[in-house]
Amino acid sequence: MSDSPILTEPQAAPSAEHFIMRRDGKSVQLHVLKNDKNMAVYLTNYGARIVSLLVPDSSGRIDDVVLGYGSVQEYVDSIERYYGATIGRVGNRIANGQFELDETTYKVGHLHGGYHGFQDAIWDIVESDSQSIAFRFTALEASDGYPGNLTVDIRYSLNDVNELRMDYTATTDKPTIVNLTNHAYFNLAGAGSGSVAKHRITIHGDSFTPVTQIMIPTGEISPVDGSPFDLRVPTPIGQHWNSMNSQIQIAGGYDHNFVLRKLGGSDPELAARVEDPATGRILEVDTTEPGVQFYTANALSGQDVGREGIPYMPRTAFCLETQHYPDAPNQPLFPSIRLNPDDTYRSTTIYRFI
């Protein structure tokens, strides 16, 4: 990007007055983080979610690069519940909506934490300023069938090198499972601008976890070599999404967990990079997590109309959901997502715009 872009104003930033709602004695609010590079992030405590992410392109034009709505009520009413939200207790899928922990079987929702997942919670705002905000939510033991009262904190912070950082921590009073992520839908040309087929993606993973016909991991860890999942060099997102590869056919595109190459340290490492040739915007994703779910928004149907007034159609966005592997409690070869009372869950992911 140019050091001295000619700036243009965003067409429409979210309005705080459209994010006022009270439920169960709690109030929904909208908060904005800004830096000195003309980047702005709008967040709400409804689902501890990213509502809007305004980023200049190489010529200085500012666009919103995440899909979303202009009011909290639209999030409540949405067909797709997860736009920009914090996902938990357990992101992604759990086979048959059940798992065993310490010889007890628990019945839970099979996708993204269940029917009352974190995306529908009104989180407490612990503290905030112009470049950071911290949310907190306590999921009670009986919620969606999980054991233990789980307290989750997430801090969003924006620095002056265009990095949006998400630091998650969680504690429990009984053994439980936890796997948190963020479900932002990105289009680097701007939300509502059409297909992301020409975006070029690189994922730093040598293998992935194949799925069954109902999108549950088989338990295998398969090399990406010679397949549409070999995204280790920059590849147009749409190059293989109509492939006859059985895994692509099952998902209707990409909706798979990639096993990331890790150096073994505790700091976030580069997981993926996406570039939009048309605007020059580049997104890099760093994470401490061992996997990332690459999803090409195959299930969007056009029923949801975003704040741009444009229906959100299939393959007009992509997600990079940093995570432990799906169905981990039922797959003994996958990294564990168990959390004990004497431990603290910690995870960090960074979205960097270049």
Protein backbone atom coordinates (compact mmCIF):
# COMPACT_ATOMS: atom_id res chain seq x y z
CA MET A 1 0.00 0.00 0.00
CA SER A 2 1.09 3.57 -0.62
CA ASP A 3 2.54 5.44 2.36
CA SER A 4 0.44 8.50 1.48
CA PRO A 5 -2.85 7.30 0.02
CA ILE A 6 -5.55 9.61 -1.27
CA LEU A 7 -8.25 8.83 1.25
CA THR A 8 -11.89 8.31 0.48
CA GLU A 9 -14.63 8.07 3.07
CA PRO A 10 -16.34 4.76 3.76
CA GLN A 11 -19.78 4.59 2.18
CA ALA A 12 -21.46 3.69 5.46
CA ALA A 13 -20.08 2.96 8.92
CA PRO A 14 -22.33 1.28 11.51
CA SER A 15 -24.34 3.62 13.71
CA ALA A 16 -24.37 3.20 17.49
CA GLU A 17 -28.06 4.06 17.64
CA HIS A 18 -28.83 0.88 15.66
CA PHE A 19 -27.04 -1.27 18.21
CA ILE A 20 -29.14 -0.47 21.25
CA MET A 21 -30.99 -3.42 22.73
CA ARG A 22 -31.74 -4.77 26.19
CA ARG A 23 -32.29 -8.42 26.96
CA ASP A 24 -32.12 -10.40 30.20
CA GLY A 25 -31.13 -7.22 32.02
CA LYS A 26 -28.12 -6.57 29.77
CA SER A 27 -27.49 -3.82 27.22
CA VAL A 28 -26.02 -4.18 23.75
CA GLN A 29 -23.51 -1.54 22.65
CA LEU A 30 -21.35 -0.72 19.64
CA HIS A 31 -17.68 0.23 20.09
CA VAL A 32 -15.10 1.41 17.55
CA LEU A 33 -11.32 0.95 17.52
CA LYS A 34 -9.25 3.22 15.28
CA ASN A 35 -5.59 3.65 14.40
CA ASP A 36 -3.52 6.29 12.63
CA LYS A 37 -3.56 4.37 9.32
CA ASN A 38 -7.28 5.03 8.74
CA MET A 39 -8.30 1.54 9.78
CA ALA A 40 -11.38 1.15 11.98
CA VAL A 41 -12.99 -1.87 13.62
CA TYR A 42 -16.57 -1.79 14.91
CA LEU A 43 -17.45 -4.37 17.56
CA THR A 44 -20.51 -5.23 19.58
CA ASN A 45 -20.96 -7.16 22.80
CA TYR A 46 -23.79 -9.07 21.14
CA GLY A 47 -21.80 -12.19 20.37
CA ALA A 48 -18.50 -10.36 21.07
CA ARG A 49 -18.44 -9.91 17.32
CA ILE A 50 -16.73 -7.92 14.60
CA VAL A 51 -19.47 -5.87 12.94
CA SER A 52 -17.39 -3.86 10.49
CA LEU A 53 -13.72 -3.69 9.49
CA LEU A 54 -12.79 -0.63 7.43
CA VAL A 55 -9.44 -0.84 5.63
CA PRO A 56 -7.83 1.37 2.93
CA ASP A 57 -6.77 -0.27 -0.33
CA SER A 58 -3.61 0.54 -2.31
CA SER A 59 -5.16 3.76 -3.65
CA GLY A 60 -6.59 4.87 -0.31
CA ARG A 61 -10.20 3.83 -0.90
CA ILE A 62 -11.76 2.61 2.33
CA ASP A 63 -14.04 -0.40 2.17
CA ASP A 64 -15.67 -2.67 4.71
CA VAL A 65 -13.98 -6.05 4.26
CA VAL A 66 -16.26 -8.16 6.48
CA LEU A 67 -19.85 -9.15 5.90
CA GLY A 68 -22.40 -7.94 8.42
CA TYR A 69 -25.45 -5.89 9.24
CA GLY A 70 -26.29 -2.31 10.12
CA SER A 71 -28.31 -3.14 13.25
CA VAL A 72 -28.27 -5.59 16.13
CA GLN A 73 -31.81 -6.75 15.35
CA GLU A 74 -30.65 -7.98 11.96
CA TYR A 75 -28.04 -10.15 13.68
CA VAL A 76 -30.74 -11.54 15.96
CA ASP A 77 -32.99 -12.34 12.97
CA SER A 78 -30.28 -13.55 10.58
CA ILE A 79 -30.42 -16.90 8.79
CA GLU A 80 -26.62 -17.13 9.20
CA ARG A 81 -26.08 -16.57 12.94
CA TYR A 82 -22.31 -16.37 12.95
CA TYR A 83 -21.22 -13.26 11.00
CA GLY A 84 -18.14 -11.93 12.82
CA ALA A 85 -19.02 -13.67 16.10
CA THR A 86 -16.95 -15.29 18.81
CA ILE A 87 -17.77 -19.01 18.61
CA GLY A 88 -17.90 -21.37 21.61
CA ARG A 89 -17.83 -23.33 23.77
CA VAL A 90 -16.66 -25.51 20.93
CA GLY A 91 -16.22 -24.16 17.42
CA ASN A 92 -16.90 -26.36 14.41
CA ARG A 93 -18.48 -29.83 14.65
CA ILE A 94 -18.95 -32.55 17.26
CA ALA A 95 -20.09 -35.90 15.84
CA ASN A 96 -23.70 -36.73 16.76
CA GLY A 97 -23.64 -33.75 19.14
CA GLN A 98 -22.09 -35.81 21.93
CA PHE A 99 -18.77 -36.59 23.61
CA GLU A 100 -17.46 -38.53 26.59
CA LEU A 101 -15.44 -36.97 29.39
CA ASP A 102 -14.29 -38.94 32.44
CA GLU A 103 -16.67 -41.80 31.59
CA THR A 104 -19.71 -39.51 31.37
CA THR A 105 -21.47 -38.91 28.06
CA TYR A 106 -22.65 -35.36 27.34
CA LYS A 107 -25.23 -34.41 24.71
CA VAL A 108 -24.62 -31.03 23.11
CA GLY A 109 -25.30 -29.25 19.84
CA HIS A 110 -23.24 -30.57 16.94
CA LEU A 111 -22.15 -27.21 15.44
CA HIS A 112 -20.44 -24.12 16.87
CA GLY A 113 -21.31 -24.70 20.50
CA GLY A 114 -24.97 -25.61 20.10
CA TYR A 115 -28.28 -23.80 19.87
CA HIS A 116 -27.35 -21.24 22.54
CA GLY A 117 -23.76 -20.65 21.53
CA PHE A 118 -21.66 -17.61 22.33
CA GLN A 119 -22.80 -15.79 19.17
CA ASP A 120 -26.19 -15.13 20.80
CA ALA A 121 -24.90 -14.04 24.22
CA ILE A 122 -24.69 -10.45 25.43
CA TRP A 123 -21.17 -10.21 26.81
CA ASP A 124 -20.04 -7.89 29.60
CA ILE A 125 -17.69 -5.08 28.59
CA VAL A 126 -14.83 -5.30 31.08
CA GLU A 127 -12.83 -2.32 29.82
CA SER A 128 -12.36 -0.30 26.64
CA ASP A 129 -10.46 2.56 25.06
CA SER A 130 -9.83 3.82 21.53
CA GLN A 131 -7.64 0.85 20.53
CA SER A 132 -8.85 -2.08 22.66
CA ILE A 133 -11.93 -3.61 24.23
CA ALA A 134 -12.32 -6.62 26.52
CA PHE A 135 -15.47 -8.77 26.69
CA ARG A 136 -16.40 -11.41 29.28
CA PHE A 137 -19.06 -14.11 29.38
CA THR A 138 -19.76 -16.95 31.81
CA ALA A 139 -21.42 -20.00 30.27
CA LEU A 140 -23.28 -21.83 33.01
CA GLU A 141 -22.87 -25.54 33.50
CA ALA A 142 -26.27 -26.50 32.18
CA SER A 143 -26.03 -24.38 29.03
CA ASP A 144 -26.22 -26.66 26.00
CA GLY A 145 -25.23 -29.68 28.08
CA TYR A 146 -21.55 -28.93 28.72
CA PRO A 147 -20.00 -29.65 32.14
CA GLY A 148 -18.62 -26.85 34.31
CA ASN A 149 -19.17 -23.10 34.55
CA LEU A 150 -16.84 -21.61 31.94
CA THR A 151 -15.70 -17.96 32.12
CA VAL A 152 -14.34 -16.62 28.83
CA ASP A 153 -12.48 -13.36 28.20
CA ILE A 154 -11.64 -11.97 24.79
CA ARG A 155 -9.66 -8.80 24.18
CA TYR A 156 -9.66 -7.16 20.76
CA SER A 157 -6.83 -4.69 20.22
CA LEU A 158 -5.85 -2.65 17.16
CA ASN A 159 -2.33 -1.27 16.69
CA ASP A 160 -0.84 1.22 14.26
CA VAL A 161 0.55 -1.41 11.88
CA ASN A 162 -2.99 -2.56 10.99
CA GLU A 163 -3.06 -5.63 13.22
CA LEU A 164 -6.32 -6.63 14.87
CA ARG A 165 -5.35 -8.96 17.71
CA MET A 166 -7.73 -11.32 19.55
CA ASP A 167 -6.54 -12.73 22.88
CA TYR A 168 -8.79 -15.41 24.39
CA THR A 169 -8.61 -16.87 27.90
CA ALA A 170 -11.01 -19.25 29.65
CA THR A 171 -11.27 -20.96 33.05
CA THR A 172 -13.63 -23.62 34.39
CA ASP A 173 -14.70 -25.02 37.75
CA LYS A 174 -15.04 -28.60 36.39
CA PRO A 175 -13.31 -30.53 33.62
CA THR A 176 -14.85 -29.48 30.31
CA ILE A 177 -13.97 -28.89 26.66
CA VAL A 178 -13.33 -25.59 24.90
CA ASN A 179 -12.29 -24.55 21.38
CA LEU A 180 -12.89 -20.86 20.60
CA THR A 181 -12.67 -19.06 17.27
CA ASN A 182 -13.94 -16.04 15.34
CA HIS A 183 -16.30 -16.42 12.38
CA ALA A 184 -15.61 -13.29 10.32
CA TYR A 185 -16.57 -13.54 6.66
CA PHE A 186 -14.01 -11.62 4.56
CA ASN A 187 -14.14 -10.11 1.10
CA LEU A 188 -11.03 -8.00 0.53
CA ALA A 189 -12.67 -6.13 -2.34
CA GLY A 190 -15.43 -5.05 0.04
CA ALA A 191 -18.47 -6.77 1.48
CA GLY A 192 -21.15 -7.28 -1.15
CA SER A 193 -18.71 -6.84 -4.05
CA GLY A 194 -19.16 -10.31 -5.51
CA SER A 195 -17.19 -13.51 -5.85
CA VAL A 196 -13.86 -14.06 -4.07
CA ALA A 197 -12.73 -16.49 -6.80
CA LYS A 198 -9.81 -14.27 -7.85
CA HIS A 199 -8.49 -13.69 -4.34
CA ARG A 200 -5.21 -15.57 -3.99
CA ILE A 201 -4.76 -17.70 -0.87
CA THR A 202 -1.78 -19.35 0.77
CA ILE A 203 -2.23 -21.71 3.73
CA HIS A 204 0.81 -22.89 5.66
CA GLY A 205 -0.38 -26.44 6.11
CA ASP A 206 1.00 -29.68 4.68
CA SER A 207 -2.08 -31.73 5.56
CA PHE A 208 -5.81 -31.47 6.26
CA THR A 209 -8.51 -33.47 8.01
CA PRO A 210 -10.92 -35.14 5.53
CA VAL A 211 -14.62 -35.34 6.35
CA THR A 212 -17.53 -37.72 5.87
CA GLN A 213 -20.63 -36.98 3.81
CA ILE A 214 -22.06 -35.13 6.84
CA MET A 215 -18.91 -33.02 7.34
CA ILE A 216 -17.55 -34.90 10.38
CA PRO A 217 -13.80 -35.64 10.37
CA THR A 218 -12.93 -39.22 9.47
CA GLY A 219 -10.04 -39.11 11.94
CA GLU A 220 -7.46 -39.18 9.17
CA ILE A 221 -4.78 -36.54 8.65
CA SER A 222 -4.12 -36.48 4.90
CA PRO A 223 -1.27 -34.80 3.00
CA VAL A 224 -2.33 -32.00 0.66
CA ASP A 225 0.15 -33.02 -2.06
CA GLY A 226 -1.36 -33.28 -5.52
CA SER A 227 -4.85 -32.24 -4.38
CA PRO A 228 -7.01 -29.07 -4.43
CA PHE A 229 -5.94 -28.67 -0.78
CA ASP A 230 -2.36 -27.90 -1.71
CA LEU A 231 -2.56 -24.17 -1.09
CA ARG A 232 1.05 -23.81 0.04
CA VAL A 233 1.73 -21.37 -2.81
CA PRO A 234 -0.57 -18.47 -3.78
CA THR A 235 -3.61 -19.94 -5.51
CA PRO A 236 -6.81 -18.29 -6.75
CA ILE A 237 -9.54 -19.32 -4.31
CA GLY A 238 -11.83 -20.32 -7.18
CA GLN A 239 -9.24 -22.39 -9.05
CA HIS A 240 -10.31 -25.72 -7.52
CA TRP A 241 -13.64 -25.06 -5.82
CA ASN A 242 -15.53 -26.83 -8.63
CA SER A 243 -13.13 -29.77 -8.65
CA MET A 244 -14.45 -33.32 -8.87
CA ASN A 245 -12.32 -34.16 -5.83
CA SER A 246 -14.66 -36.01 -3.45
CA GLN A 247 -13.87 -33.73 -0.50
CA ILE A 248 -14.61 -30.59 -2.53
CA GLN A 249 -17.84 -32.20 -3.77
CA ILE A 250 -18.98 -33.04 -0.23
CA ALA A 251 -18.55 -29.45 0.98
CA GLY A 252 -19.58 -27.69 -2.23
CA GLY A 253 -16.22 -25.92 -2.15
CA TYR A 254 -13.80 -25.51 0.73
CA ASP A 255 -14.97 -26.11 4.29
CA HIS A 256 -12.04 -27.99 5.76
CA ASN A 257 -9.58 -27.88 8.62
CA PHE A 258 -5.94 -27.45 7.62
CA VAL A 259 -3.21 -28.78 9.91
CA LEU A 260 -0.79 -25.90 10.30
CA ARG A 261 2.97 -26.08 10.16
CA LYS A 262 4.11 -25.06 13.65
CA LEU A 263 7.56 -24.14 14.92
CA GLY A 264 6.64 -25.17 18.44
CA GLY A 265 6.80 -21.81 20.20
CA SER A 266 4.08 -20.07 22.19
CA ASP A 267 3.87 -16.98 19.94
CA PRO A 268 1.41 -16.64 17.06
CA GLU A 269 2.74 -17.99 13.76
CA LEU A 270 1.70 -17.27 10.19
CA ALA A 271 -1.19 -19.54 9.18
CA ALA A 272 -2.57 -17.99 5.99
CA ARG A 273 -2.28 -15.08 3.58
CA VAL A 274 -4.93 -13.79 1.15
CA GLU A 275 -4.40 -11.12 -1.50
CA ASP A 276 -6.99 -9.38 -3.65
CA PRO A 277 -5.23 -8.38 -6.90
CA ALA A 278 -7.94 -5.85 -7.77
CA THR A 279 -7.52 -3.66 -4.67
CA GLY A 280 -4.06 -4.64 -3.47
CA ARG A 281 -5.38 -5.51 -0.01
CA ILE A 282 -3.56 -8.35 1.74
CA LEU A 283 -4.74 -10.18 4.85
CA GLU A 284 -2.34 -12.28 6.90
CA VAL A 285 -3.55 -14.48 9.75
CA ASP A 286 -1.22 -15.42 12.63
CA THR A 287 -2.33 -17.80 15.35
CA THR A 288 -1.25 -19.96 18.27
CA GLU A 289 -3.82 -22.58 17.20
CA PRO A 290 -2.82 -25.85 15.46
CA GLY A 291 -5.46 -25.61 12.73
CA VAL A 292 -7.48 -23.26 10.57
CA GLN A 293 -10.86 -23.92 8.92
CA PHE A 294 -10.88 -22.50 5.41
CA TYR A 295 -14.50 -21.94 4.31
CA THR A 296 -15.68 -20.39 1.06
CA ALA A 297 -19.17 -19.40 2.27
CA ASN A 298 -20.78 -22.18 0.24
CA ALA A 299 -23.96 -22.16 2.36
CA LEU A 300 -24.84 -18.49 1.99
CA SER A 301 -28.10 -18.36 0.10
CA GLY A 302 -28.91 -14.72 -0.63
CA GLN A 303 -31.57 -14.65 2.08
CA ASP A 304 -29.39 -12.40 4.24
CA VAL A 305 -29.08 -8.83 2.96
CA GLY A 306 -26.07 -6.98 4.34
CA ARG A 307 -25.74 -3.34 5.33
CA GLU A 308 -24.77 -2.56 1.71
CA GLY A 309 -28.31 -3.55 0.67
CA ILE A 310 -26.92 -6.51 -1.30
CA PRO A 311 -27.88 -10.18 -0.72
CA TYR A 312 -24.99 -12.32 0.50
CA MET A 313 -24.58 -15.07 -2.08
CA PRO A 314 -22.50 -18.27 -2.00
CA ARG A 315 -18.74 -17.85 -2.45
CA THR A 316 -18.80 -14.08 -2.01
CA ALA A 317 -16.64 -14.34 1.12
CA PHE A 318 -14.16 -16.60 2.85
CA CYS A 319 -13.53 -17.52 6.48
CA LEU A 320 -10.26 -18.47 8.18
CA GLU A 321 -11.38 -19.86 11.54
CA THR A 322 -8.31 -20.56 13.69
CA GLN A 323 -8.98 -23.54 15.93
CA HIS A 324 -8.17 -26.96 17.32
CA TYR A 325 -9.38 -29.68 14.98
CA PRO A 326 -13.13 -30.38 14.59
CA ASP A 327 -14.63 -33.24 16.63
CA ALA A 328 -11.49 -33.38 18.80
CA PRO A 329 -13.26 -34.98 21.82
CA ASN A 330 -14.15 -38.01 19.66
CA GLN A 331 -10.88 -38.28 17.76
CA PRO A 332 -8.05 -39.66 19.95
CA LEU A 333 -5.34 -38.72 17.44
CA PHE A 334 -6.34 -35.03 17.37
CA PRO A 335 -4.95 -32.46 19.86
CA SER A 336 -7.08 -32.40 23.01
CA ILE A 337 -9.48 -29.55 23.81
CA ARG A 338 -9.97 -30.61 27.44
CA LEU A 339 -9.73 -27.85 30.05
CA ASN A 340 -9.26 -28.63 33.75
CA PRO A 341 -10.05 -26.35 36.70
CA ASP A 342 -6.37 -25.79 37.50
CA ASP A 343 -5.54 -24.72 33.92
CA THR A 344 -6.22 -21.62 31.82
CA TYR A 345 -7.15 -21.84 28.16
CA ARG A 346 -5.16 -19.33 26.11
CA SER A 347 -5.33 -18.58 22.41
CA THR A 348 -4.27 -15.66 20.22
CA THR A 349 -5.10 -14.83 16.60
CA ILE A 350 -4.01 -11.74 14.65
CA TYR A 351 -5.58 -10.35 11.46
CA ARG A 352 -2.92 -8.22 9.75
CA PHE A 353 -3.62 -5.95 6.76
CA ILE A 354 -0.68 -5.03 4.58
